[in-house]
Amino acid sequence: MPDQDQAELRLGVARLRQEHEDYDVAINAMIQTGCDALRIQRMKKKKLVIKDKITKFEDMIIPDIIA
């Protein structure tokens, strides 16, 4: 993979990690304020989708090496 593509993927991972952390903070705030459980569940689902994207990008950056 060219260095530029890898750098773009790393930048994308960093952005997604920040977004994931933002969702985590928002979810915790919603829980503490007693927000609707359905809204919290939807936020958790979005957070999980972001985590899956992070994993996908990381797998593209670091390919599996058969030893």
PDB file of N, CA and C in Angstrom:
ATOM      1  N   MET A   1       0.854  -1.170   0.000  1.00  0.00           N
ATOM      2  CA  MET A   1       0.000   0.000   0.000  1.00  0.00           C
ATOM      3  C   MET A   1       0.907   1.242   0.000  1.00  0.00           C
ATOM      4  N   PRO A   2       0.639   2.193  -0.886  1.00  0.00           N
ATOM      5  CA  PRO A   2       1.448   3.419  -0.922  1.00  0.00           C
ATOM      6  C   PRO A   2       1.373   4.198   0.398  1.00  0.00           C
ATOM      7  N   ASP A   3       2.439   4.909   0.687  1.00  0.00           N
ATOM      8  CA  ASP A   3       2.517   5.646   1.954  1.00  0.00           C
ATOM      9  C   ASP A   3       1.396   6.667   2.093  1.00  0.00           C
ATOM     10  N   GLN A   4       1.019   7.318   0.990  1.00  0.00           N
ATOM     11  CA  GLN A   4      -0.032   8.331   1.062  1.00  0.00           C
ATOM     12  C   GLN A   4      -1.373   7.704   1.435  1.00  0.00           C
ATOM     13  N   ASP A   5      -1.677   6.564   0.842  1.00  0.00           N
ATOM     14  CA  ASP A   5      -2.922   5.870   1.173  1.00  0.00           C
ATOM     15  C   ASP A   5      -2.931   5.443   2.634  1.00  0.00           C
ATOM     16  N   GLN A   6      -1.789   4.953   3.089  1.00  0.00           N
ATOM     17  CA  GLN A   6      -1.690   4.515   4.475  1.00  0.00           C
ATOM     18  C   GLN A   6      -1.837   5.703   5.425  1.00  0.00           C
ATOM     19  N   ALA A   7      -1.283   6.845   5.067  1.00  0.00           N
ATOM     20  CA  ALA A   7      -1.396   8.050   5.892  1.00  0.00           C
ATOM     21  C   ALA A   7      -2.850   8.512   5.954  1.00  0.00           C
ATOM     22  N   GLU A   8      -3.558   8.422   4.839  1.00  0.00           N
ATOM     23  CA  GLU A   8      -4.963   8.810   4.812  1.00  0.00           C
ATOM     24  C   GLU A   8      -5.801   7.876   5.689  1.00  0.00           C
ATOM     25  N   LEU A   9      -5.488   6.594   5.635  1.00  0.00           N
ATOM     26  CA  LEU A   9      -6.207   5.636   6.477  1.00  0.00           C
ATOM     27  C   LEU A   9      -5.948   5.908   7.956  1.00  0.00           C
ATOM     28  N   ARG A  10      -4.698   6.214   8.295  1.00  0.00           N
ATOM     29  CA  ARG A  10      -4.363   6.524   9.690  1.00  0.00           C
ATOM     30  C   ARG A  10      -5.089   7.781  10.166  1.00  0.00           C
ATOM     31  N   LEU A  11      -5.185   8.772   9.294  1.00  0.00           N
ATOM     32  CA  LEU A  11      -5.921   9.989   9.630  1.00  0.00           C
ATOM     33  C   LEU A  11      -7.401   9.672   9.828  1.00  0.00           C
ATOM     34  N   GLY A  12      -7.935   8.824   8.962  1.00  0.00           N
ATOM     35  CA  GLY A  12      -9.334   8.412   9.096  1.00  0.00           C
ATOM     36  C   GLY A  12      -9.577   7.673  10.401  1.00  0.00           C
ATOM     37  N   VAL A  13      -8.641   6.814  10.786  1.00  0.00           N
ATOM     38  CA  VAL A  13      -8.760   6.078  12.045  1.00  0.00           C
ATOM     39  C   VAL A  13      -8.742   7.054  13.217  1.00  0.00           C
ATOM     40  N   ALA A  14      -7.863   8.040  13.163  1.00  0.00           N
ATOM     41  CA  ALA A  14      -7.781   9.026  14.248  1.00  0.00           C
ATOM     42  C   ALA A  14      -9.089   9.808  14.374  1.00  0.00           C
ATOM     43  N   ARG A  15      -9.667  10.172  13.251  1.00  0.00           N
ATOM     44  CA  ARG A  15     -10.960  10.895  13.273  1.00  0.00           C
ATOM     45  C   ARG A  15     -12.068  10.014  13.850  1.00  0.00           C
ATOM     46  N   LEU A  16     -12.084   8.765  13.416  1.00  0.00           N
ATOM     47  CA  LEU A  16     -13.111   7.855  13.909  1.00  0.00           C
ATOM     48  C   LEU A  16     -12.954   7.589  15.402  1.00  0.00           C
ATOM     49  N   ARG A  17     -11.714   7.485  15.876  1.00  0.00           N
ATOM     50  CA  ARG A  17     -11.494   7.287  17.313  1.00  0.00           C
ATOM     51  C   ARG A  17     -12.008   8.478  18.112  1.00  0.00           C
ATOM     52  N   GLN A  18     -11.788   9.690  17.585  1.00  0.00           N
ATOM     53  CA  GLN A  18     -12.284  10.883  18.266  1.00  0.00           C
ATOM     54  C   GLN A  18     -13.810  10.886  18.284  1.00  0.00           C
ATOM     55  N   GLU A  19     -14.414  10.526  17.164  1.00  0.00           N
ATOM     56  CA  GLU A  19     -15.867  10.456  17.094  1.00  0.00           C
ATOM     57  C   GLU A  19     -16.404   9.391  18.054  1.00  0.00           C
ATOM     58  N   HIS A  20     -15.713   8.260  18.131  1.00  0.00           N
ATOM     59  CA  HIS A  20     -16.100   7.189  19.044  1.00  0.00           C
ATOM     60  C   HIS A  20     -16.051   7.680  20.488  1.00  0.00           C
ATOM     61  N   GLU A  21     -14.999   8.411  20.827  1.00  0.00           N
ATOM     62  CA  GLU A  21     -14.864   8.954  22.180  1.00  0.00           C
ATOM     63  C   GLU A  21     -15.953   9.987  22.462  1.00  0.00           C
ATOM     64  N   ASP A  22     -16.289  10.804  21.460  1.00  0.00           N
ATOM     65  CA  ASP A  22     -17.359  11.792  21.628  1.00  0.00           C
ATOM     66  C   ASP A  22     -18.698  11.112  21.912  1.00  0.00           C
ATOM     67  N   TYR A  23     -18.965  10.034  21.189  1.00  0.00           N
ATOM     68  CA  TYR A  23     -20.194   9.279  21.446  1.00  0.00           C
ATOM     69  C   TYR A  23     -20.190   8.697  22.856  1.00  0.00           C
ATOM     70  N   ASP A  24     -19.049   8.220  23.296  1.00  0.00           N
ATOM     71  CA  ASP A  24     -18.941   7.655  24.636  1.00  0.00           C
ATOM     72  C   ASP A  24     -19.280   8.701  25.694  1.00  0.00           C
ATOM     73  N   VAL A  25     -18.725   9.899  25.536  1.00  0.00           N
ATOM     74  CA  VAL A  25     -19.002  10.988  26.480  1.00  0.00           C
ATOM     75  C   VAL A  25     -20.481  11.359  26.442  1.00  0.00           C
ATOM     76  N   ALA A  26     -21.036  11.443  25.243  1.00  0.00           N
ATOM     77  CA  ALA A  26     -22.447  11.801  25.104  1.00  0.00           C
ATOM     78  C   ALA A  26     -23.362  10.741  25.728  1.00  0.00           C
ATOM     79  N   ILE A  27     -23.032   9.486  25.515  1.00  0.00           N
ATOM     80  CA  ILE A  27     -23.838   8.397  26.078  1.00  0.00           C
ATOM     81  C   ILE A  27     -23.799   8.436  27.597  1.00  0.00           C
ATOM     82  N   ASN A  28     -22.613   8.633  28.159  1.00  0.00           N
ATOM     83  CA  ASN A  28     -22.504   8.706  29.619  1.00  0.00           C
ATOM     84  C   ASN A  28     -23.296   9.882  30.182  1.00  0.00           C
ATOM     85  N   ALA A  29     -23.272  11.017  29.490  1.00  0.00           N
ATOM     86  CA  ALA A  29     -24.044  12.172  29.931  1.00  0.00           C
ATOM     87  C   ALA A  29     -25.538  11.884  29.856  1.00  0.00           C
ATOM     88  N   MET A  30     -25.956  11.206  28.794  1.00  0.00           N
ATOM     89  CA  MET A  30     -27.368  10.870  28.642  1.00  0.00           C
ATOM     90  C   MET A  30     -27.819   9.906  29.745  1.00  0.00           C
ATOM     91  N   ILE A  31     -26.963   8.979  30.098  1.00  0.00           N
ATOM     92  CA  ILE A  31     -27.305   8.023  31.156  1.00  0.00           C
ATOM     93  C   ILE A  31     -27.454   8.749  32.492  1.00  0.00           C
ATOM     94  N   GLN A  32     -26.539   9.666  32.773  1.00  0.00           N
ATOM     95  CA  GLN A  32     -26.575  10.367  34.054  1.00  0.00           C
ATOM     96  C   GLN A  32     -27.751  11.326  34.166  1.00  0.00           C
ATOM     97  N   THR A  33     -28.213  11.856  33.041  1.00  0.00           N
ATOM     98  CA  THR A  33     -29.352  12.771  33.089  1.00  0.00           C
ATOM     99  C   THR A  33     -30.684  12.035  33.004  1.00  0.00           C
ATOM    100  N   GLY A  34     -30.629  10.732  32.817  1.00  0.00           N
ATOM    101  CA  GLY A  34     -31.865   9.945  32.774  1.00  0.00           C
ATOM    102  C   GLY A  34     -32.601  10.073  31.462  1.00  0.00           C
ATOM    103  N   CYS A  35     -31.865  10.160  30.389  1.00  0.00           N
ATOM    104  CA  CYS A  35     -32.449  10.281  29.058  1.00  0.00           C
ATOM    105  C   CYS A  35     -33.189   8.988  28.682  1.00  0.00           C
ATOM    106  N   ASP A  36     -34.023   9.092  27.664  1.00  0.00           N
ATOM    107  CA  ASP A  36     -34.803   7.968  27.165  1.00  0.00           C
ATOM    108  C   ASP A  36     -33.894   6.797  26.777  1.00  0.00           C
ATOM    109  N   ALA A  37     -34.227   5.614  27.224  1.00  0.00           N
ATOM    110  CA  ALA A  37     -33.416   4.420  26.985  1.00  0.00           C
ATOM    111  C   ALA A  37     -33.280   4.118  25.488  1.00  0.00           C
ATOM    112  N   LEU A  38     -34.306   4.401  24.708  1.00  0.00           N
ATOM    113  CA  LEU A  38     -34.252   4.139  23.273  1.00  0.00           C
ATOM    114  C   LEU A  38     -33.211   5.037  22.592  1.00  0.00           C
ATOM    115  N   ARG A  39     -33.143   6.301  22.999  1.00  0.00           N
ATOM    116  CA  ARG A  39     -32.149   7.217  22.442  1.00  0.00           C
ATOM    117  C   ARG A  39     -30.734   6.762  22.803  1.00  0.00           C
ATOM    118  N   ILE A  40     -30.565   6.306  24.022  1.00  0.00           N
ATOM    119  CA  ILE A  40     -29.258   5.817  24.460  1.00  0.00           C
ATOM    120  C   ILE A  40     -28.865   4.593  23.644  1.00  0.00           C
ATOM    121  N   GLN A  41     -29.814   3.698  23.425  1.00  0.00           N
ATOM    122  CA  GLN A  41     -29.537   2.487  22.650  1.00  0.00           C
ATOM    123  C   GLN A  41     -29.148   2.820  21.221  1.00  0.00           C
ATOM    124  N   ARG A  42     -29.800   3.821  20.631  1.00  0.00           N
ATOM    125  CA  ARG A  42     -29.456   4.238  19.267  1.00  0.00           C
ATOM    126  C   ARG A  42     -28.045   4.814  19.211  1.00  0.00           C
ATOM    127  N   MET A  43     -27.687   5.592  20.219  1.00  0.00           N
ATOM    128  CA  MET A  43     -26.341   6.155  20.272  1.00  0.00           C
ATOM    129  C   MET A  43     -25.298   5.042  20.410  1.00  0.00           C
ATOM    130  N   LYS A  44     -25.604   4.049  21.218  1.00  0.00           N
ATOM    131  CA  LYS A  44     -24.677   2.929  21.392  1.00  0.00           C
ATOM    132  C   LYS A  44     -24.496   2.169  20.086  1.00  0.00           C
ATOM    133  N   LYS A  45     -25.568   2.044  19.321  1.00  0.00           N
ATOM    134  CA  LYS A  45     -25.498   1.350  18.039  1.00  0.00           C
ATOM    135  C   LYS A  45     -24.606   2.122  17.065  1.00  0.00           C
ATOM    136  N   LYS A  46     -24.751   3.447  17.035  1.00  0.00           N
ATOM    137  CA  LYS A  46     -23.906   4.271  16.179  1.00  0.00           C
ATOM    138  C   LYS A  46     -22.444   4.159  16.604  1.00  0.00           C
ATOM    139  N   LYS A  47     -22.216   4.118  17.905  1.00  0.00           N
ATOM    140  CA  LYS A  47     -20.865   3.983  18.438  1.00  0.00           C
ATOM    141  C   LYS A  47     -20.262   2.651  17.998  1.00  0.00           C
ATOM    142  N   LEU A  48     -21.043   1.603  17.992  1.00  0.00           N
ATOM    143  CA  LEU A  48     -20.570   0.288  17.567  1.00  0.00           C
ATOM    144  C   LEU A  48     -20.227   0.265  16.081  1.00  0.00           C
ATOM    145  N   VAL A  49     -21.014   0.951  15.278  1.00  0.00           N
ATOM    146  CA  VAL A  49     -20.735   1.035  13.842  1.00  0.00           C
ATOM    147  C   VAL A  49     -19.388   1.722  13.618  1.00  0.00           C
ATOM    148  N   ILE A  50     -19.131   2.770  14.386  1.00  0.00           N
ATOM    149  CA  ILE A  50     -17.857   3.473  14.271  1.00  0.00           C
ATOM    150  C   ILE A  50     -16.709   2.553  14.670  1.00  0.00           C
ATOM    151  N   LYS A  51     -16.889   1.790  15.731  1.00  0.00           N
ATOM    152  CA  LYS A  51     -15.857   0.851  16.173  1.00  0.00           C
ATOM    153  C   LYS A  51     -15.560  -0.180  15.085  1.00  0.00           C
ATOM    154  N   ASP A  52     -16.595  -0.646  14.405  1.00  0.00           N
ATOM    155  CA  ASP A  52     -16.407  -1.598  13.311  1.00  0.00           C
ATOM    156  C   ASP A  52     -15.608  -0.970  12.164  1.00  0.00           C
ATOM    157  N   LYS A  53     -15.875   0.306  11.864  1.00  0.00           N
ATOM    158  CA  LYS A  53     -15.127   1.002  10.820  1.00  0.00           C
ATOM    159  C   LYS A  53     -13.658   1.145  11.211  1.00  0.00           C
ATOM    160  N   ILE A  54     -13.415   1.451  12.477  1.00  0.00           N
ATOM    161  CA  ILE A  54     -12.038   1.572  12.964  1.00  0.00           C
ATOM    162  C   ILE A  54     -11.299   0.254  12.764  1.00  0.00           C
ATOM    163  N   THR A  55     -11.934  -0.837  13.130  1.00  0.00           N
ATOM    164  CA  THR A  55     -11.325  -2.159  12.985  1.00  0.00           C
ATOM    165  C   THR A  55     -11.037  -2.465  11.517  1.00  0.00           C
ATOM    166  N   LYS A  56     -11.961  -2.120  10.649  1.00  0.00           N
ATOM    167  CA  LYS A  56     -11.782  -2.365   9.217  1.00  0.00           C
ATOM    168  C   LYS A  56     -10.587  -1.581   8.683  1.00  0.00           C
ATOM    169  N   PHE A  57     -10.491  -0.302   9.051  1.00  0.00           N
ATOM    170  CA  PHE A  57      -9.373   0.523   8.594  1.00  0.00           C
ATOM    171  C   PHE A  57      -8.051   0.017   9.148  1.00  0.00           C
ATOM    172  N   GLU A  58      -8.035  -0.370  10.415  1.00  0.00           N
ATOM    173  CA  GLU A  58      -6.804  -0.879  11.017  1.00  0.00           C
ATOM    174  C   GLU A  58      -6.352  -2.170  10.336  1.00  0.00           C
ATOM    175  N   ASP A  59      -7.295  -3.000   9.947  1.00  0.00           N
ATOM    176  CA  ASP A  59      -6.954  -4.227   9.227  1.00  0.00           C
ATOM    177  C   ASP A  59      -6.357  -3.920   7.851  1.00  0.00           C
ATOM    178  N   MET A  60      -6.789  -2.832   7.242  1.00  0.00           N
ATOM    179  CA  MET A  60      -6.249  -2.434   5.953  1.00  0.00           C
ATOM    180  C   MET A  60      -4.806  -1.892   6.118  1.00  0.00           C
ATOM    181  N   ILE A  61      -4.557  -1.229   7.239  1.00  0.00           N
ATOM    182  CA  ILE A  61      -3.234  -0.666   7.487  1.00  0.00           C
ATOM    183  C   ILE A  61      -2.236  -1.757   7.827  1.00  0.00           C
ATOM    184  N   ILE A  62      -2.646  -2.673   8.697  1.00  0.00           N
ATOM    185  CA  ILE A  62      -1.766  -3.743   9.146  1.00  0.00           C
ATOM    186  C   ILE A  62      -2.302  -5.062   8.600  1.00  0.00           C
ATOM    187  N   PRO A  63      -1.787  -5.514   7.468  1.00  0.00           N
ATOM    188  CA  PRO A  63      -2.295  -6.760   6.892  1.00  0.00           C
ATOM    189  C   PRO A  63      -1.862  -7.975   7.721  1.00  0.00           C
ATOM    190  N   ASP A  64      -2.644  -9.029   7.593  1.00  0.00           N
ATOM    191  CA  ASP A  64      -2.305 -10.279   8.281  1.00  0.00           C
ATOM    192  C   ASP A  64      -1.050 -10.871   7.658  1.00  0.00           C
ATOM    193  N   ILE A  65      -0.154 -11.312   8.524  1.00  0.00           N
ATOM    194  CA  ILE A  65       1.073 -11.950   8.054  1.00  0.00           C
ATOM    195  C   ILE A  65       1.035 -13.407   8.488  1.00  0.00           C
ATOM    196  N   ILE A  66       1.130 -14.289   7.537  1.00  0.00           N
ATOM    197  CA  ILE A  66       1.123 -15.709   7.852  1.00  0.00           C
ATOM    198  C   ILE A  66       2.529 -16.112   8.247  1.00  0.00           C
ATOM    199  N   ALA A  67       2.657 -16.589   9.467  1.00  0.00           N
ATOM    200  CA  ALA A  67       3.997 -16.950   9.959  1.00  0.00           C
ATOM    201  C   ALA A  67       4.318 -18.384   9.669  1.00  0.00           C
TER     202      ALA A  67
END
